[in-house]
Amino acid sequence: EGITCPALVLFGEQDNRVSREEIDEIYTNLKSASKVLKVYPQAGHNLFTKENKKQWINDVSSFIKANPHP
């Protein structure tokens, strides 16, 4: 039961809608053997900003490369 596929969880520490505790609970409860949590200290609910663009692209690209679709 639950999510067992690779999972990338992205979180902005300045998010006013989702708390760190909620993100940690989601991450902990993912059953995937391949899961990654990336935290953006200066980001809010919208992670993809001009300031985070390079880091976001790097994080997503690295995750996809590490977890290729069969």
PDB file of N, CA and C in Angstrom:
ATOM      1  N   GLU A   1       0.819  -1.190   0.000  1.00  0.00           N
ATOM      2  CA  GLU A   1       0.000   0.000   0.000  1.00  0.00           C
ATOM      3  C   GLU A   1       0.858   1.246   0.000  1.00  0.00           C
ATOM      4  N   GLY A   2       0.326   2.315  -0.523  1.00  0.00           N
ATOM      5  CA  GLY A   2       1.040   3.584  -0.520  1.00  0.00           C
ATOM      6  C   GLY A   2       1.884   3.759  -1.767  1.00  0.00           C
ATOM      7  N   ILE A   3       2.619   4.827  -1.779  1.00  0.00           N
ATOM      8  CA  ILE A   3       3.460   5.169  -2.919  1.00  0.00           C
ATOM      9  C   ILE A   3       4.782   4.425  -2.803  1.00  0.00           C
ATOM     10  N   THR A   4       5.093   3.634  -3.820  1.00  0.00           N
ATOM     11  CA  THR A   4       6.335   2.870  -3.804  1.00  0.00           C
ATOM     12  C   THR A   4       7.265   3.264  -4.944  1.00  0.00           C
ATOM     13  N   CYS A   5       6.807   4.124  -5.841  1.00  0.00           N
ATOM     14  CA  CYS A   5       7.660   4.580  -6.936  1.00  0.00           C
ATOM     15  C   CYS A   5       8.623   5.640  -6.405  1.00  0.00           C
ATOM     16  N   PRO A   6       9.691   5.939  -7.135  1.00  0.00           N
ATOM     17  CA  PRO A   6      10.603   6.998  -6.696  1.00  0.00           C
ATOM     18  C   PRO A   6       9.835   8.307  -6.466  1.00  0.00           C
ATOM     19  N   ALA A   7      10.216   9.025  -5.420  1.00  0.00           N
ATOM     20  CA  ALA A   7       9.496  10.247  -5.066  1.00  0.00           C
ATOM     21  C   ALA A   7      10.471  11.372  -4.735  1.00  0.00           C
ATOM     22  N   LEU A   8      10.229  12.518  -5.327  1.00  0.00           N
ATOM     23  CA  LEU A   8      10.994  13.729  -5.041  1.00  0.00           C
ATOM     24  C   LEU A   8      10.056  14.708  -4.351  1.00  0.00           C
ATOM     25  N   VAL A   9      10.390  15.069  -3.128  1.00  0.00           N
ATOM     26  CA  VAL A   9       9.575  16.000  -2.348  1.00  0.00           C
ATOM     27  C   VAL A   9      10.349  17.314  -2.261  1.00  0.00           C
ATOM     28  N   LEU A  10       9.711  18.387  -2.690  1.00  0.00           N
ATOM     29  CA  LEU A  10      10.326  19.713  -2.670  1.00  0.00           C
ATOM     30  C   LEU A  10       9.569  20.587  -1.674  1.00  0.00           C
ATOM     31  N   PHE A  11      10.302  21.331  -0.852  1.00  0.00           N
ATOM     32  CA  PHE A  11       9.669  22.143   0.186  1.00  0.00           C
ATOM     33  C   PHE A  11      10.368  23.479   0.331  1.00  0.00           C
ATOM     34  N   GLY A  12       9.581  24.546   0.392  1.00  0.00           N
ATOM     35  CA  GLY A  12      10.092  25.881   0.668  1.00  0.00           C
ATOM     36  C   GLY A  12       9.881  26.198   2.136  1.00  0.00           C
ATOM     37  N   GLU A  13      10.950  26.492   2.854  1.00  0.00           N
ATOM     38  CA  GLU A  13      10.851  26.736   4.297  1.00  0.00           C
ATOM     39  C   GLU A  13       9.980  27.936   4.652  1.00  0.00           C
ATOM     40  N   GLN A  14       9.756  28.845   3.712  1.00  0.00           N
ATOM     41  CA  GLN A  14       8.921  30.013   3.979  1.00  0.00           C
ATOM     42  C   GLN A  14       7.456  29.782   3.572  1.00  0.00           C
ATOM     43  N   ASP A  15       7.105  28.527   3.301  1.00  0.00           N
ATOM     44  CA  ASP A  15       5.746  28.186   2.870  1.00  0.00           C
ATOM     45  C   ASP A  15       4.752  28.503   3.985  1.00  0.00           C
ATOM     46  N   ASN A  16       3.713  29.272   3.659  1.00  0.00           N
ATOM     47  CA  ASN A  16       2.697  29.611   4.650  1.00  0.00           C
ATOM     48  C   ASN A  16       1.457  28.712   4.533  1.00  0.00           C
ATOM     49  N   ARG A  17       1.527  27.695   3.683  1.00  0.00           N
ATOM     50  CA  ARG A  17       0.406  26.768   3.508  1.00  0.00           C
ATOM     51  C   ARG A  17       0.715  25.365   4.015  1.00  0.00           C
ATOM     52  N   VAL A  18       1.975  24.965   3.921  1.00  0.00           N
ATOM     53  CA  VAL A  18       2.394  23.612   4.315  1.00  0.00           C
ATOM     54  C   VAL A  18       3.542  23.737   5.303  1.00  0.00           C
ATOM     55  N   SER A  19       3.420  23.083   6.453  1.00  0.00           N
ATOM     56  CA  SER A  19       4.460  23.188   7.482  1.00  0.00           C
ATOM     57  C   SER A  19       5.565  22.162   7.266  1.00  0.00           C
ATOM     58  N   ARG A  20       6.701  22.400   7.881  1.00  0.00           N
ATOM     59  CA  ARG A  20       7.811  21.451   7.815  1.00  0.00           C
ATOM     60  C   ARG A  20       7.388  20.121   8.434  1.00  0.00           C
ATOM     61  N   GLU A  21       6.596  20.184   9.502  1.00  0.00           N
ATOM     62  CA  GLU A  21       6.119  18.962  10.143  1.00  0.00           C
ATOM     63  C   GLU A  21       5.272  18.134   9.175  1.00  0.00           C
ATOM     64  N   GLU A  22       4.430  18.797   8.384  1.00  0.00           N
ATOM     65  CA  GLU A  22       3.610  18.082   7.393  1.00  0.00           C
ATOM     66  C   GLU A  22       4.487  17.443   6.316  1.00  0.00           C
ATOM     67  N   ILE A  23       5.479  18.186   5.848  1.00  0.00           N
ATOM     68  CA  ILE A  23       6.392  17.653   4.824  1.00  0.00           C
ATOM     69  C   ILE A  23       7.161  16.459   5.377  1.00  0.00           C
ATOM     70  N   ASP A  24       7.651  16.581   6.600  1.00  0.00           N
ATOM     71  CA  ASP A  24       8.388  15.469   7.212  1.00  0.00           C
ATOM     72  C   ASP A  24       7.499  14.238   7.365  1.00  0.00           C
ATOM     73  N   GLU A  25       6.247  14.445   7.714  1.00  0.00           N
ATOM     74  CA  GLU A  25       5.313  13.322   7.863  1.00  0.00           C
ATOM     75  C   GLU A  25       5.043  12.659   6.511  1.00  0.00           C
ATOM     76  N   ILE A  26       4.844  13.468   5.482  1.00  0.00           N
ATOM     77  CA  ILE A  26       4.640  12.923   4.132  1.00  0.00           C
ATOM     78  C   ILE A  26       5.865  12.126   3.713  1.00  0.00           C
ATOM     79  N   TYR A  27       7.038  12.714   3.868  1.00  0.00           N
ATOM     80  CA  TYR A  27       8.282  12.066   3.459  1.00  0.00           C
ATOM     81  C   TYR A  27       8.493  10.756   4.216  1.00  0.00           C
ATOM     82  N   THR A  28       8.305  10.789   5.510  1.00  0.00           N
ATOM     83  CA  THR A  28       8.486   9.598   6.337  1.00  0.00           C
ATOM     84  C   THR A  28       7.553   8.470   5.914  1.00  0.00           C
ATOM     85  N   ASN A  29       6.336   8.822   5.534  1.00  0.00           N
ATOM     86  CA  ASN A  29       5.340   7.808   5.197  1.00  0.00           C
ATOM     87  C   ASN A  29       5.406   7.314   3.759  1.00  0.00           C
ATOM     88  N   LEU A  30       6.259   7.897   2.934  1.00  0.00           N
ATOM     89  CA  LEU A  30       6.453   7.363   1.587  1.00  0.00           C
ATOM     90  C   LEU A  30       7.158   6.017   1.705  1.00  0.00           C
ATOM     91  N   LYS A  31       6.647   5.021   1.029  1.00  0.00           N
ATOM     92  CA  LYS A  31       7.210   3.670   1.121  1.00  0.00           C
ATOM     93  C   LYS A  31       8.314   3.434   0.101  1.00  0.00           C
ATOM     94  N   SER A  32       8.574   4.396  -0.721  1.00  0.00           N
ATOM     95  CA  SER A  32       9.569   4.260  -1.782  1.00  0.00           C
ATOM     96  C   SER A  32      10.966   4.024  -1.226  1.00  0.00           C
ATOM     97  N   ALA A  33      11.693   3.114  -1.871  1.00  0.00           N
ATOM     98  CA  ALA A  33      13.093   2.896  -1.506  1.00  0.00           C
ATOM     99  C   ALA A  33      13.960   4.038  -2.026  1.00  0.00           C
ATOM    100  N   SER A  34      13.450   4.742  -3.029  1.00  0.00           N
ATOM    101  CA  SER A  34      14.172   5.866  -3.618  1.00  0.00           C
ATOM    102  C   SER A  34      13.354   7.137  -3.425  1.00  0.00           C
ATOM    103  N   LYS A  35      13.632   7.828  -2.328  1.00  0.00           N
ATOM    104  CA  LYS A  35      12.926   9.076  -2.068  1.00  0.00           C
ATOM    105  C   LYS A  35      13.934  10.136  -1.660  1.00  0.00           C
ATOM    106  N   VAL A  36      13.643  11.367  -2.062  1.00  0.00           N
ATOM    107  CA  VAL A  36      14.551  12.485  -1.803  1.00  0.00           C
ATOM    108  C   VAL A  36      13.731  13.676  -1.334  1.00  0.00           C
ATOM    109  N   LEU A  37      14.207  14.351  -0.314  1.00  0.00           N
ATOM    110  CA  LEU A  37      13.599  15.587   0.159  1.00  0.00           C
ATOM    111  C   LEU A  37      14.580  16.714  -0.092  1.00  0.00           C
ATOM    112  N   LYS A  38      14.146  17.732  -0.823  1.00  0.00           N
ATOM    113  CA  LYS A  38      14.956  18.921  -1.076  1.00  0.00           C
ATOM    114  C   LYS A  38      14.258  20.115  -0.439  1.00  0.00           C
ATOM    115  N   VAL A  39      15.001  20.876   0.332  1.00  0.00           N
ATOM    116  CA  VAL A  39      14.456  22.034   1.035  1.00  0.00           C
ATOM    117  C   VAL A  39      15.090  23.299   0.476  1.00  0.00           C
ATOM    118  N   TYR A  40      14.248  24.278   0.185  1.00  0.00           N
ATOM    119  CA  TYR A  40      14.678  25.572  -0.325  1.00  0.00           C
ATOM    120  C   TYR A  40      14.451  26.603   0.791  1.00  0.00           C
ATOM    121  N   PRO A  41      15.520  27.010   1.483  1.00  0.00           N
ATOM    122  CA  PRO A  41      15.386  27.875   2.659  1.00  0.00           C
ATOM    123  C   PRO A  41      14.666  29.205   2.405  1.00  0.00           C
ATOM    124  N   GLN A  42      14.877  29.821   1.263  1.00  0.00           N
ATOM    125  CA  GLN A  42      14.299  31.141   1.001  1.00  0.00           C
ATOM    126  C   GLN A  42      12.969  31.090   0.252  1.00  0.00           C
ATOM    127  N   ALA A  43      12.519  29.900  -0.129  1.00  0.00           N
ATOM    128  CA  ALA A  43      11.317  29.774  -0.962  1.00  0.00           C
ATOM    129  C   ALA A  43      10.059  29.622  -0.114  1.00  0.00           C
ATOM    130  N   GLY A  44       8.952  30.037  -0.715  1.00  0.00           N
ATOM    131  CA  GLY A  44       7.647  29.847  -0.112  1.00  0.00           C
ATOM    132  C   GLY A  44       6.932  28.695  -0.792  1.00  0.00           C
ATOM    133  N   HIS A  45       5.614  28.842  -0.954  1.00  0.00           N
ATOM    134  CA  HIS A  45       4.820  27.773  -1.560  1.00  0.00           C
ATOM    135  C   HIS A  45       5.181  27.591  -3.033  1.00  0.00           C
ATOM    136  N   ASN A  46       5.573  28.666  -3.698  1.00  0.00           N
ATOM    137  CA  ASN A  46       6.006  28.593  -5.096  1.00  0.00           C
ATOM    138  C   ASN A  46       7.525  28.436  -5.125  1.00  0.00           C
ATOM    139  N   LEU A  47       7.984  27.214  -5.357  1.00  0.00           N
ATOM    140  CA  LEU A  47       9.423  26.946  -5.334  1.00  0.00           C
ATOM    141  C   LEU A  47      10.159  27.450  -6.562  1.00  0.00           C
ATOM    142  N   PHE A  48       9.478  27.436  -7.690  1.00  0.00           N
ATOM    143  CA  PHE A  48      10.158  27.757  -8.945  1.00  0.00           C
ATOM    144  C   PHE A  48      10.170  29.266  -9.147  1.00  0.00           C
ATOM    145  N   THR A  49      11.218  29.899  -8.620  1.00  0.00           N
ATOM    146  CA  THR A  49      11.379  31.340  -8.772  1.00  0.00           C
ATOM    147  C   THR A  49      12.690  31.598  -9.507  1.00  0.00           C
ATOM    148  N   LYS A  50      12.877  32.819  -9.909  1.00  0.00           N
ATOM    149  CA  LYS A  50      14.108  33.189 -10.604  1.00  0.00           C
ATOM    150  C   LYS A  50      15.331  32.854  -9.742  1.00  0.00           C
ATOM    151  N   GLU A  51      15.218  33.069  -8.441  1.00  0.00           N
ATOM    152  CA  GLU A  51      16.329  32.812  -7.530  1.00  0.00           C
ATOM    153  C   GLU A  51      16.617  31.314  -7.362  1.00  0.00           C
ATOM    154  N   ASN A  52      15.604  30.481  -7.486  1.00  0.00           N
ATOM    155  CA  ASN A  52      15.750  29.040  -7.275  1.00  0.00           C
ATOM    156  C   ASN A  52      15.853  28.238  -8.565  1.00  0.00           C
ATOM    157  N   LYS A  53      15.784  28.907  -9.693  1.00  0.00           N
ATOM    158  CA  LYS A  53      15.705  28.210 -10.978  1.00  0.00           C
ATOM    159  C   LYS A  53      16.824  27.193 -11.171  1.00  0.00           C
ATOM    160  N   LYS A  54      18.073  27.596 -10.993  1.00  0.00           N
ATOM    161  CA  LYS A  54      19.194  26.685 -11.231  1.00  0.00           C
ATOM    162  C   LYS A  54      19.161  25.500 -10.272  1.00  0.00           C
ATOM    163  N   GLN A  55      18.903  25.769  -8.992  1.00  0.00           N
ATOM    164  CA  GLN A  55      18.861  24.686  -8.005  1.00  0.00           C
ATOM    165  C   GLN A  55      17.708  23.734  -8.296  1.00  0.00           C
ATOM    166  N   TRP A  56      16.536  24.274  -8.647  1.00  0.00           N
ATOM    167  CA  TRP A  56      15.365  23.447  -8.962  1.00  0.00           C
ATOM    168  C   TRP A  56      15.660  22.550 -10.161  1.00  0.00           C
ATOM    169  N   ILE A  57      16.220  23.122 -11.214  1.00  0.00           N
ATOM    170  CA  ILE A  57      16.551  22.341 -12.415  1.00  0.00           C
ATOM    171  C   ILE A  57      17.567  21.252 -12.061  1.00  0.00           C
ATOM    172  N   ASN A  58      18.574  21.593 -11.284  1.00  0.00           N
ATOM    173  CA  ASN A  58      19.573  20.614 -10.866  1.00  0.00           C
ATOM    174  C   ASN A  58      18.946  19.491 -10.027  1.00  0.00           C
ATOM    175  N   ASP A  59      18.108  19.850  -9.068  1.00  0.00           N
ATOM    176  CA  ASP A  59      17.480  18.844  -8.202  1.00  0.00           C
ATOM    177  C   ASP A  59      16.586  17.894  -8.998  1.00  0.00           C
ATOM    178  N   VAL A  60      15.755  18.450  -9.860  1.00  0.00           N
ATOM    179  CA  VAL A  60      14.841  17.615 -10.654  1.00  0.00           C
ATOM    180  C   VAL A  60      15.617  16.764 -11.657  1.00  0.00           C
ATOM    181  N   SER A  61      16.579  17.353 -12.329  1.00  0.00           N
ATOM    182  CA  SER A  61      17.385  16.610 -13.304  1.00  0.00           C
ATOM    183  C   SER A  61      18.157  15.468 -12.638  1.00  0.00           C
ATOM    184  N   SER A  62      18.765  15.749 -11.501  1.00  0.00           N
ATOM    185  CA  SER A  62      19.519  14.722 -10.780  1.00  0.00           C
ATOM    186  C   SER A  62      18.610  13.578 -10.349  1.00  0.00           C
ATOM    187  N   PHE A  63      17.423  13.918  -9.895  1.00  0.00           N
ATOM    188  CA  PHE A  63      16.476  12.890  -9.464  1.00  0.00           C
ATOM    189  C   PHE A  63      16.053  12.016 -10.639  1.00  0.00           C
ATOM    190  N   ILE A  64      15.764  12.637 -11.762  1.00  0.00           N
ATOM    191  CA  ILE A  64      15.346  11.886 -12.949  1.00  0.00           C
ATOM    192  C   ILE A  64      16.487  10.990 -13.438  1.00  0.00           C
ATOM    193  N   LYS A  65      17.701  11.498 -13.457  1.00  0.00           N
ATOM    194  CA  LYS A  65      18.850  10.698 -13.875  1.00  0.00           C
ATOM    195  C   LYS A  65      19.083   9.510 -12.952  1.00  0.00           C
ATOM    196  N   ALA A  66      18.864   9.711 -11.665  1.00  0.00           N
ATOM    197  CA  ALA A  66      19.069   8.644 -10.681  1.00  0.00           C
ATOM    198  C   ALA A  66      17.934   7.618 -10.684  1.00  0.00           C
ATOM    199  N   ASN A  67      16.801   7.990 -11.277  1.00  0.00           N
ATOM    200  CA  ASN A  67      15.629   7.122 -11.269  1.00  0.00           C
ATOM    201  C   ASN A  67      15.030   7.032 -12.671  1.00  0.00           C
ATOM    202  N   PRO A  68      15.769   6.482 -13.620  1.00  0.00           N
ATOM    203  CA  PRO A  68      15.253   6.413 -15.003  1.00  0.00           C
ATOM    204  C   PRO A  68      14.031   5.496 -15.095  1.00  0.00           C
ATOM    205  N   HIS A  69      13.153   5.859 -15.982  1.00  0.00           N
ATOM    206  CA  HIS A  69      11.953   5.045 -16.206  1.00  0.00           C
ATOM    207  C   HIS A  69      12.366   3.787 -16.953  1.00  0.00           C
ATOM    208  N   PRO A  70      11.869   2.639 -16.523  1.00  0.00           N
ATOM    209  CA  PRO A  70      12.253   1.381 -17.197  1.00  0.00           C
ATOM    210  C   PRO A  70      11.784   1.297 -18.631  1.00  0.00           C
TER     211      PRO A  70
END
